[in-house]
Amino acid sequence: QVQLVESEGGMVRAGGSLRLSCVVSGLTVSEYGMGWFRQAPGKEREFVAAISWGTDNTYYTDSIKGRYTISRDIAENTVYLQMNTLKPEDTAVYYCAAKFGSTAQAMSVVGSSGMDYWGKGTLVTVSS
C-alpha cells in the first residue's frame, strides 16, 4: 500500500521559513518524479515544485523560484520542501505527489490530474 504522509504545516509570519517533509512508503522515491502542489482557499490545486526520477533535476513554478527548494533523501524515502521568505499568498494546503518515471518539468505540465499518488495535505498559513 502506497502512502505519502506530509509533516504538519503550521502558521508562520511573513518572511519566515518552514520545511515540509513527505515520508513515503510502498514505493521508491528514486523511481518516481516527486512533487509538491498547493491549493489556496477558493482556488484550484496548482503545481509548486518537483524533482525528477533518478536525478536531482528540479523544476519550480515562477512564483516561488528562489524561495523554495525541493530535495529528496533516498535513504529515508522522504521528500522535503524548504520554504523561505514566506508571503501571505503562500497560504494553502500543500500536497505531496508522486508520478512514476516522470521528470520534474513533466509534472508541472501534466499537473494535478496526472499524478499517481497523493498525500492528504498539510495546511500552511502565512500571516502578514
Foldseek 3Di string as FASTA:
>chain_A
DKAWAKDAADEEAAQAKDKIKIQIPPDQQLQWWKFKWWDDPPGDIAGAKIAARNDRDMDGDPVQPPFWDWDADRVRSMIMIIGGRDDQVVWTWMKMFIAGRDHTVVCNVVDDVRTDDIHPTHTYGYHD
